[in-house]
Amino acid sequence: MIIEMRTYRTKPGMREEFLAIFKAESMPAHREIGMKIMGPFPSIEDADTFFFMRAFPNLARREPMKAQFYEGELWKQELEHKLMPMLEKYDVVLVEADEDLGGWQ
């Protein structure tokens, strides 16, 4: 399994609004494509930061699955315009897990 460990920093005061949209609209769309999501995990040290992990079956499937989401109508017509202006920055670290991990949705 390939896992993206993602760190997001929203513009000041935007985290809760971002997370509400992310949970209601983005996460279900990820799952429909077959991506697994763990989180989001709001930082207790920074009110504008949160973390989540997004998993793919293997490296070969990662890019096609991402393309299905980011080139899809939901992202292009709705979410990109809502979510991206709320972000200050985000970082992604790609890791590999040797086995299927429990707790993934």
Protein backbone atom coordinates (compact mmCIF):
# COMPACT_ATOMS: atom_id res chain seq x y z
CA MET A 1 0.00 0.00 0.00
CA ILE A 2 1.23 3.50 -0.87
CA ILE A 3 0.35 6.22 1.63
CA GLU A 4 0.44 9.97 1.22
CA MET A 5 0.99 11.62 4.60
CA ARG A 6 -0.52 15.08 4.06
CA THR A 7 -0.11 18.25 6.15
CA TYR A 8 -2.42 21.18 5.43
CA ARG A 9 -2.22 24.71 6.81
CA THR A 10 -5.28 26.83 6.19
CA LYS A 11 -5.45 30.57 6.18
CA PRO A 12 -6.12 31.86 9.71
CA GLY A 13 -9.51 30.80 11.03
CA MET A 14 -10.44 28.70 7.98
CA ARG A 15 -9.66 25.19 9.26
CA GLU A 16 -13.16 24.31 10.51
CA GLU A 17 -14.88 25.46 7.31
CA PHE A 18 -12.29 23.62 5.20
CA LEU A 19 -12.73 20.42 7.23
CA ALA A 20 -16.53 20.57 7.03
CA ILE A 21 -16.39 20.66 3.22
CA PHE A 22 -13.55 18.12 3.11
CA LYS A 23 -15.48 15.61 5.26
CA ALA A 24 -18.85 16.11 3.54
CA GLU A 25 -17.74 16.24 -0.09
CA SER A 26 -14.11 15.34 -0.71
CA MET A 27 -13.73 12.26 1.49
CA PRO A 28 -16.77 10.43 0.03
CA ALA A 29 -15.50 11.14 -3.50
CA HIS A 30 -12.07 9.73 -2.60
CA ARG A 31 -13.67 6.56 -1.23
CA GLU A 32 -15.83 6.11 -4.34
CA ILE A 33 -12.64 6.04 -6.42
CA GLY A 34 -11.09 3.47 -4.06
CA MET A 35 -8.70 5.69 -2.10
CA LYS A 36 -8.62 5.06 1.61
CA ILE A 37 -8.58 7.99 4.02
CA MET A 38 -7.43 8.12 7.63
CA GLY A 39 -8.17 11.35 9.42
CA PRO A 40 -8.41 14.24 9.29
CA PHE A 41 -6.45 14.91 12.46
CA PRO A 42 -6.62 18.57 13.61
CA SER A 43 -3.42 19.80 15.25
CA ILE A 44 -3.76 20.59 18.94
CA GLU A 45 -0.76 22.94 18.69
CA ASP A 46 -1.84 25.00 15.68
CA ALA A 47 -5.47 25.97 15.10
CA ASP A 48 -4.87 26.29 11.34
CA THR A 49 -3.17 22.94 10.69
CA PHE A 50 -4.48 19.41 10.16
CA PHE A 51 -3.17 16.11 8.89
CA PHE A 52 -4.62 13.17 7.01
CA MET A 53 -3.38 10.13 5.17
CA ARG A 54 -4.59 8.94 1.79
CA ALA A 55 -3.80 5.39 0.68
CA PHE A 56 -3.58 3.69 -2.70
CA PRO A 57 -3.30 -0.04 -3.45
CA ASN A 58 0.10 0.41 -5.15
CA LEU A 59 2.27 3.00 -6.85
CA ALA A 60 0.98 2.14 -10.33
CA ARG A 61 -2.62 2.93 -9.30
CA ARG A 62 -1.77 6.18 -7.48
CA GLU A 63 -1.59 8.56 -10.46
CA PRO A 64 -4.69 7.21 -12.27
CA MET A 65 -6.74 7.37 -9.07
CA LYS A 66 -5.55 10.91 -8.32
CA ALA A 67 -6.33 11.94 -11.90
CA GLN A 68 -9.83 10.50 -11.60
CA PHE A 69 -10.45 12.77 -8.61
CA TYR A 70 -8.64 15.95 -9.69
CA GLU A 71 -9.87 15.82 -13.29
CA GLY A 72 -13.41 14.99 -12.21
CA GLU A 73 -16.37 17.32 -12.27
CA LEU A 74 -16.68 17.57 -8.47
CA TRP A 75 -13.13 18.88 -8.08
CA LYS A 76 -13.02 21.06 -11.19
CA GLN A 77 -16.51 22.56 -10.92
CA GLU A 78 -16.90 22.85 -7.15
CA LEU A 79 -14.23 21.83 -4.66
CA GLU A 80 -11.15 23.39 -6.22
CA HIS A 81 -12.77 26.84 -6.11
CA LYS A 82 -13.99 26.37 -2.53
CA LEU A 83 -11.01 24.69 -0.92
CA MET A 84 -7.87 26.02 -2.57
CA PRO A 85 -8.47 29.68 -1.57
CA MET A 86 -8.67 28.56 2.08
CA LEU A 87 -5.20 26.99 2.02
CA GLU A 88 -1.95 28.66 2.89
CA LYS A 89 0.13 25.59 2.03
CA TYR A 90 0.21 21.82 2.03
CA ASP A 91 2.94 19.19 2.07
CA VAL A 92 2.89 15.55 1.01
CA VAL A 93 5.24 12.76 2.05
CA LEU A 94 4.90 9.47 0.18
CA VAL A 95 5.58 6.25 2.11
CA GLU A 96 5.06 2.55 1.54
CA ALA A 97 3.38 0.21 4.01
CA ASP A 98 4.23 -3.48 3.89
CA GLU A 99 0.73 -4.65 4.77
CA ASP A 100 -2.87 -3.53 4.72
CA LEU A 101 -3.42 -1.38 7.80
CA GLY A 102 -6.56 -1.58 9.93
CA GLY A 103 -8.63 1.50 10.69
CA TRP A 104 -8.78 2.80 7.12
CA GLN A 105 -12.11 3.95 5.76
